[in-house]
Amino acid sequence: VVLGGDRRRELLGWASEGGLVIEDDYDAEHRYDRPPLPALRATLSGQVCYAGSISKLLAPALRTGWLLVPPHLCDAVLEAKRFADLGNPVLPQLVLARLMESGELDRHLRLLRRRHRRRRDAMIAAIRTHLPAATVHGAAAGLHLMLTLPEELGCRDTELATAALALGVKAQPLSWHARLPYPPGLVLGYAAGSPADITEGIALLGRLVRRG
């Protein structure tokens, strides 16, 4: 969740009075229509632990991430890490460092953004065509869209997802993730499919919704 300006200022004010913020910036590189917001750590480095990962940028199998902590916490965090596991492979870390130093990581990220933007745009266009009653959420960033369906359609998202999966289209029911009452909906990933496949999948969902 990206905090708005007022909430960011409120959180920074709380941290400046002695609080400690754990800033999970996982997946923040994938933004398409606007530049990423500056990390909170850039404003108040002494009170923010900044965490990130390359699992969606390079490969999850590399098992490489980072945690930048205030200097006074370094020894305690290193000690906790020693007792938590047996350490991380050195080679992936060296490869990541070389990619960052050479500028190849930035070039790779620009390529990914263009590719994922095309896929996201294809999904939004297909939703407008085949699911015109749906509302799209979370289009500005990430690798998936959330869509909600009007209650009057009488559609249960779990049944819709099950029917879609039986026909080769995977979607997660929104009700799996909602703790409070929420309209039926789906969570749809677009990172792994071509624009043509995405359009075909959304068209199938549209047919299932119309069928009821």
Protein backbone atom coordinates (compact mmCIF):
# COMPACT_ATOMS: atom_id res chain seq x y z
CA VAL A 1 0.00 0.00 0.00
CA VAL A 2 1.40 3.41 -1.00
CA LEU A 3 0.60 6.00 1.65
CA GLY A 4 -0.78 9.37 0.62
CA GLY A 5 0.99 12.61 1.48
CA ASP A 6 -0.90 13.26 4.72
CA ARG A 7 -0.37 9.72 6.00
CA ARG A 8 3.34 9.85 5.11
CA ARG A 9 3.76 13.09 7.04
CA GLU A 10 1.85 11.66 9.98
CA LEU A 11 4.02 8.54 10.00
CA LEU A 12 7.25 10.53 9.74
CA GLY A 13 6.10 12.74 12.60
CA TRP A 14 5.47 9.67 14.74
CA ALA A 15 8.88 8.22 13.82
CA SER A 16 10.68 11.48 14.61
CA GLU A 17 9.37 11.19 18.18
CA GLY A 18 11.15 7.87 18.68
CA GLY A 19 9.14 5.40 16.60
CA LEU A 20 10.74 2.89 14.26
CA VAL A 21 9.28 2.39 10.77
CA ILE A 22 9.80 -0.80 8.76
CA GLU A 23 9.40 0.33 5.15
CA ASP A 24 8.65 -2.65 2.91
CA ASP A 25 9.37 -1.41 -0.61
CA TYR A 26 8.84 -4.81 -2.21
CA ASP A 27 7.82 -4.56 -5.87
CA ALA A 28 7.97 -0.75 -5.82
CA GLU A 29 9.99 -0.59 -9.05
CA HIS A 30 6.98 -1.54 -11.15
CA ARG A 31 5.27 1.84 -11.58
CA TYR A 32 4.02 2.93 -14.98
CA ASP A 33 2.19 6.25 -15.07
CA ARG A 34 4.09 8.26 -12.50
CA PRO A 35 7.55 8.23 -10.92
CA PRO A 36 8.00 6.26 -7.69
CA LEU A 37 7.59 8.19 -4.45
CA PRO A 38 10.82 8.80 -2.54
CA ALA A 39 11.48 6.23 0.15
CA LEU A 40 10.68 7.32 3.70
CA ARG A 41 14.24 6.36 4.59
CA ALA A 42 15.51 9.21 2.40
CA THR A 43 13.74 11.65 4.73
CA LEU A 44 14.38 10.07 8.14
CA SER A 45 17.13 7.47 7.79
CA GLY A 46 17.74 7.20 11.53
CA GLN A 47 14.24 5.89 12.23
CA VAL A 48 13.46 3.78 9.15
CA CYS A 49 14.42 0.21 8.27
CA TYR A 50 14.15 -0.12 4.49
CA ALA A 51 13.48 -3.57 2.99
CA GLY A 52 13.41 -4.65 -0.64
CA SER A 53 13.84 -7.63 -2.93
CA ILE A 54 14.77 -8.51 -6.52
CA SER A 55 12.35 -11.44 -6.72
CA LYS A 56 10.06 -9.67 -9.22
CA LEU A 57 12.89 -7.74 -10.88
CA LEU A 58 15.25 -10.61 -11.72
CA ALA A 59 14.19 -13.98 -10.32
CA PRO A 60 12.72 -15.23 -7.03
CA ALA A 61 15.10 -18.21 -7.08
CA LEU A 62 18.02 -15.86 -6.39
CA ARG A 63 16.62 -15.38 -2.87
CA THR A 64 18.25 -11.97 -2.61
CA GLY A 65 16.91 -8.92 -0.83
CA TRP A 66 18.13 -6.19 1.46
CA LEU A 67 17.44 -4.47 4.73
CA LEU A 68 18.94 -1.03 5.34
CA VAL A 69 18.80 -0.22 9.03
CA PRO A 70 19.84 2.79 11.13
CA PRO A 71 23.50 2.51 12.20
CA HIS A 72 22.65 1.95 15.85
CA LEU A 73 20.71 -1.21 14.93
CA CYS A 74 23.30 -2.81 12.62
CA ASP A 75 24.99 -5.01 15.22
CA ALA A 76 21.70 -6.29 16.63
CA VAL A 77 20.29 -7.06 13.17
CA LEU A 78 23.48 -8.84 12.08
CA GLU A 79 23.42 -10.93 15.25
CA ALA A 80 19.77 -11.85 14.70
CA LYS A 81 20.53 -12.78 11.08
CA ARG A 82 23.32 -15.12 12.17
CA PHE A 83 20.92 -17.05 14.36
CA ALA A 84 18.07 -16.99 11.83
CA ASP A 85 19.75 -18.95 9.02
CA LEU A 86 23.04 -20.14 7.59
CA GLY A 87 23.56 -17.10 5.39
CA ASN A 88 22.92 -16.25 1.76
CA PRO A 89 24.82 -17.40 -1.35
CA VAL A 90 27.61 -14.98 -2.21
CA LEU A 91 27.57 -15.38 -6.01
CA PRO A 92 24.05 -13.92 -6.59
CA GLN A 93 24.98 -10.95 -4.42
CA LEU A 94 28.15 -10.33 -6.44
CA VAL A 95 26.19 -10.60 -9.70
CA LEU A 96 23.60 -8.12 -8.41
CA ALA A 97 26.34 -5.70 -7.36
CA ARG A 98 27.91 -5.90 -10.84
CA LEU A 99 24.53 -5.31 -12.52
CA MET A 100 23.94 -2.25 -10.35
CA GLU A 101 27.43 -0.83 -10.89
CA SER A 102 27.33 -1.31 -14.67
CA GLY A 103 23.88 0.22 -15.15
CA GLU A 104 22.51 -3.04 -16.60
CA LEU A 105 19.98 -3.35 -13.78
CA ASP A 106 18.48 0.05 -14.63
CA ARG A 107 18.30 -0.87 -18.32
CA HIS A 108 16.64 -4.16 -17.44
CA LEU A 109 14.10 -2.34 -15.27
CA ARG A 110 13.22 0.06 -18.09
CA LEU A 111 12.66 -2.92 -20.40
CA LEU A 112 10.42 -4.60 -17.83
CA ARG A 113 8.37 -1.45 -17.31
CA ARG A 114 7.69 -1.10 -21.03
CA ARG A 115 6.77 -4.76 -21.35
CA HIS A 116 4.50 -4.81 -18.30
CA ARG A 117 2.86 -1.52 -19.27
CA ARG A 118 1.82 -3.04 -22.60
CA ARG A 119 0.40 -6.07 -20.84
CA ARG A 120 -1.40 -3.97 -18.25
CA ASP A 121 -2.87 -1.74 -20.96
CA ALA A 122 -4.05 -4.82 -22.87
CA MET A 123 -5.78 -6.13 -19.76
CA ILE A 124 -7.50 -2.82 -19.01
CA ALA A 125 -8.68 -2.50 -22.63
CA ALA A 126 -10.02 -6.06 -22.56
CA ILE A 127 -11.85 -5.45 -19.28
CA ARG A 128 -13.51 -2.36 -20.74
CA THR A 129 -14.64 -4.42 -23.74
CA HIS A 130 -15.66 -7.71 -22.13
CA LEU A 131 -16.40 -6.71 -18.51
CA PRO A 132 -17.68 -3.14 -18.87
CA ALA A 133 -19.49 -3.21 -15.52
CA ALA A 134 -16.29 -4.03 -13.62
CA THR A 135 -14.25 -1.42 -11.76
CA VAL A 136 -10.46 -1.63 -12.04
CA HIS A 137 -8.24 -0.85 -9.03
CA GLY A 138 -4.47 -0.60 -8.65
CA ALA A 139 -3.53 0.11 -12.25
CA ALA A 140 -0.72 2.58 -11.51
CA ALA A 141 1.78 0.04 -10.20
CA GLY A 142 2.47 -3.61 -9.54
CA LEU A 143 2.04 -6.74 -11.62
CA HIS A 144 -1.67 -7.38 -11.17
CA LEU A 145 -5.03 -5.62 -11.26
CA MET A 146 -7.90 -5.91 -8.84
CA LEU A 147 -11.37 -5.64 -10.28
CA THR A 148 -14.71 -5.52 -8.50
CA LEU A 149 -18.06 -6.54 -9.93
CA PRO A 150 -21.45 -4.99 -9.16
CA GLU A 151 -23.49 -6.90 -6.59
CA GLU A 152 -26.50 -6.88 -8.90
CA LEU A 153 -24.73 -9.25 -11.29
CA GLY A 154 -25.25 -11.95 -8.67
CA CYS A 155 -21.77 -13.30 -9.33
CA ARG A 156 -19.83 -15.22 -6.67
CA ASP A 157 -16.14 -14.64 -7.26
CA THR A 158 -15.10 -18.07 -5.95
CA GLU A 159 -17.40 -19.81 -8.42
CA LEU A 160 -16.23 -17.54 -11.23
CA ALA A 161 -12.57 -18.28 -10.48
CA THR A 162 -13.25 -22.03 -10.32
CA ALA A 163 -15.08 -22.00 -13.66
CA ALA A 164 -12.32 -19.94 -15.26
CA LEU A 165 -9.59 -22.26 -13.97
CA ALA A 166 -11.40 -25.25 -15.46
CA LEU A 167 -11.09 -23.49 -18.83
CA GLY A 168 -7.42 -22.60 -18.40
CA VAL A 169 -7.62 -19.07 -16.97
CA LYS A 170 -6.28 -18.53 -13.46
CA ALA A 171 -7.73 -15.73 -11.33
CA GLN A 172 -7.88 -15.31 -7.57
CA PRO A 173 -11.22 -14.51 -5.93
CA LEU A 174 -11.08 -11.20 -4.12
CA SER A 175 -13.01 -12.75 -1.23
CA TRP A 176 -9.93 -14.79 -0.38
CA HIS A 177 -8.14 -11.58 0.57
CA ALA A 178 -10.93 -9.42 2.03
CA ARG A 179 -11.36 -9.40 5.81
CA LEU A 180 -14.39 -7.13 5.71
CA PRO A 181 -17.50 -7.37 3.51
CA TYR A 182 -16.48 -6.40 -0.01
CA PRO A 183 -18.03 -6.60 -3.48
CA PRO A 184 -17.22 -9.74 -5.46
CA GLY A 185 -14.12 -9.40 -7.58
CA LEU A 186 -10.94 -10.92 -8.92
CA VAL A 187 -7.19 -10.41 -8.67
CA LEU A 188 -5.66 -10.77 -12.13
CA GLY A 189 -1.93 -10.99 -12.85
CA TYR A 190 -0.54 -9.78 -16.16
CA ALA A 191 3.23 -10.21 -15.83
CA ALA A 192 3.51 -13.63 -17.46
CA GLY A 193 1.07 -13.42 -20.37
CA SER A 194 1.27 -11.87 -23.81
CA PRO A 195 -1.25 -9.12 -24.66
CA ALA A 196 -3.08 -11.58 -26.94
CA ASP A 197 -3.32 -14.23 -24.22
CA ILE A 198 -4.46 -11.63 -21.69
CA THR A 199 -7.20 -10.40 -24.03
CA GLU A 200 -8.37 -13.96 -24.66
CA GLY A 201 -8.47 -14.70 -20.94
CA ILE A 202 -10.51 -11.59 -20.11
CA ALA A 203 -12.91 -12.39 -22.95
CA LEU A 204 -13.48 -15.81 -21.39
CA LEU A 205 -14.17 -14.22 -17.99
CA GLY A 206 -16.66 -11.91 -19.66
CA ARG A 207 -18.51 -14.86 -21.17
CA LEU A 208 -18.66 -16.60 -17.80
CA VAL A 209 -20.03 -13.50 -16.08
CA ARG A 210 -22.71 -13.04 -18.73
CA ARG A 211 -23.63 -16.70 -18.47
CA GLY A 212 -24.11 -16.23 -14.71
